[in-house]
Amino acid sequence: SARGAAESATAMMTDARRGAIAAVAAVALFAGAAVVARGRDIGGHATATRNYMPPQPKRNPGRSTPLTYTLHLGCESDDLIAKHPTFFDGEYRDIVEARIVHHNYDVNSGKGMASFFEWDHGLVMEEVNLQTGDLKTFVLTTNKINYEYGFALKNSAGEILYEIGKVRESPLEGDCVYNFGGYRNRVITTDWRRSTDLGFIDATFGRCAANCMPGDPANPWDWDEEAKRKGSNMMKKYPPTGLNGQFLMYGVNNGGICTMNLHTQRGDCDDILTHFDPRPKTNSFITDNLRCDRWQGQYETMPWITAEMGSVRENDNTRWKFTFQYHTDGLNILLNDEFYHKYAWDAQDGGYNTISYIQIEFLQDKHYRQGVKFHDPESSEPDRSGTHGCTLLALMPPRTPLGAAAFEQP
């Protein structure tokens, strides 16, 4: 429709070189596309937003060191969420695709290249395992961006939402943003320098925060209860899969350590790949696996380490955490960042590629053991927040920052 095409044009960025011609071109390029790009009306330039020309790139696209871009979703502004509920509802299951839209620069001619933030020319990102604090995570490694860029999302209805665009319509503001020609966007010639890990670009949609972590990832015990609950629920439903996937189970030793079971669906059977079960009365942990409701008796016993976990009476405030990592030969288990045990995948199992969900709530016939639950605000029971048995948390994947000597900047 004419209205849809006009809204699409407002979502495109331009600069002082193209002015009104670019806006007309954007309408022609996006006629008929379903684009949602109203954003937040901020009434002009944001205080922290740069209003000068960004540094020009040194190399043409495809000739610099590839950068890994990670888009963290789950911490957008309340205003953006309210304006676009079809994107940011519940657990963000309606977001089906993310792309990096861009406008590159030809170093040889000193002019912008033809592609001008079109969705169709955008670089498709891959949805990956959740990272800390996220409701969805997308990643792409590429060297095809050398100047202006931003992120765009598509929902299940085919609507497209840009974070960049006209100053009065783009939700993006802060010290990661450049305004010129009345439009705002990100610029990779400065963003690669902002990163704490050389070669990695972390971003949140419509904001300048690098990620969605609600607090220090080294101390999740101190996060507020709502953040803990959200992170734990997401891990239960959407656990990591694939080699090197990992997650955390942590708690305080005054609510009981939970059983942690990794599930997989085989035909009509809801099987357990790994059953990790604390047994404080016997001063130990055991592991096993279950196939079509039959325990396989693949027991392995591990000691209860009081110095790391606290008393077997579970009546002190010792902080503990177990990290579970998917290796080719089994589930690697760390206790407080030190190796604790490796439970080999059953020879019949698909292992790390088949995990479907995680269960830590009580279920007698599956031998689950649970500590104190999260407090229900509508319950008449006393609030014991902070003493629940255990909480799950997504972890950031391991990273190796690039060496400065070998890095070729955009």
Foldseek 3Di string as FASTA:
>chain_A
DQVQLLQQLQLFDDFPVQFPVSSVVSSVVCPPAFEDFQAAFPPDADPQAAADDDDAFPDAFPPFAWFKEKEFEDDDDPVRCVVCVCQDPDLRPFWDWKFKFAWAADPVVRGIDDRTRDPVPTHTWDWAAHAFQGSTMTMDIGRRHQWWIFMWIAGPVRYIYTQWGAPRGHLAHHNQWYDHSRIITGTQLVQQVVDPFRRYQAYYRSYRDRYRHQDDPVCPLPGDPVSLVVQQVSCQQGPHFDAFFKKKKKAWLQFAAKWKWFWFDDPPATWTQWTWADDLVVQWIWIWIGTRLRTPPPIDIFGNDCVQHNHSVSHGGHIKMWMWTFHPQATFIAIPNHGGDGDGGDPPDPGRHGGRGMDGDDDVSVPIDWTDDQDDPPDPDDHPPRHTRITMHGHDGDDDGDDPVPGGHD
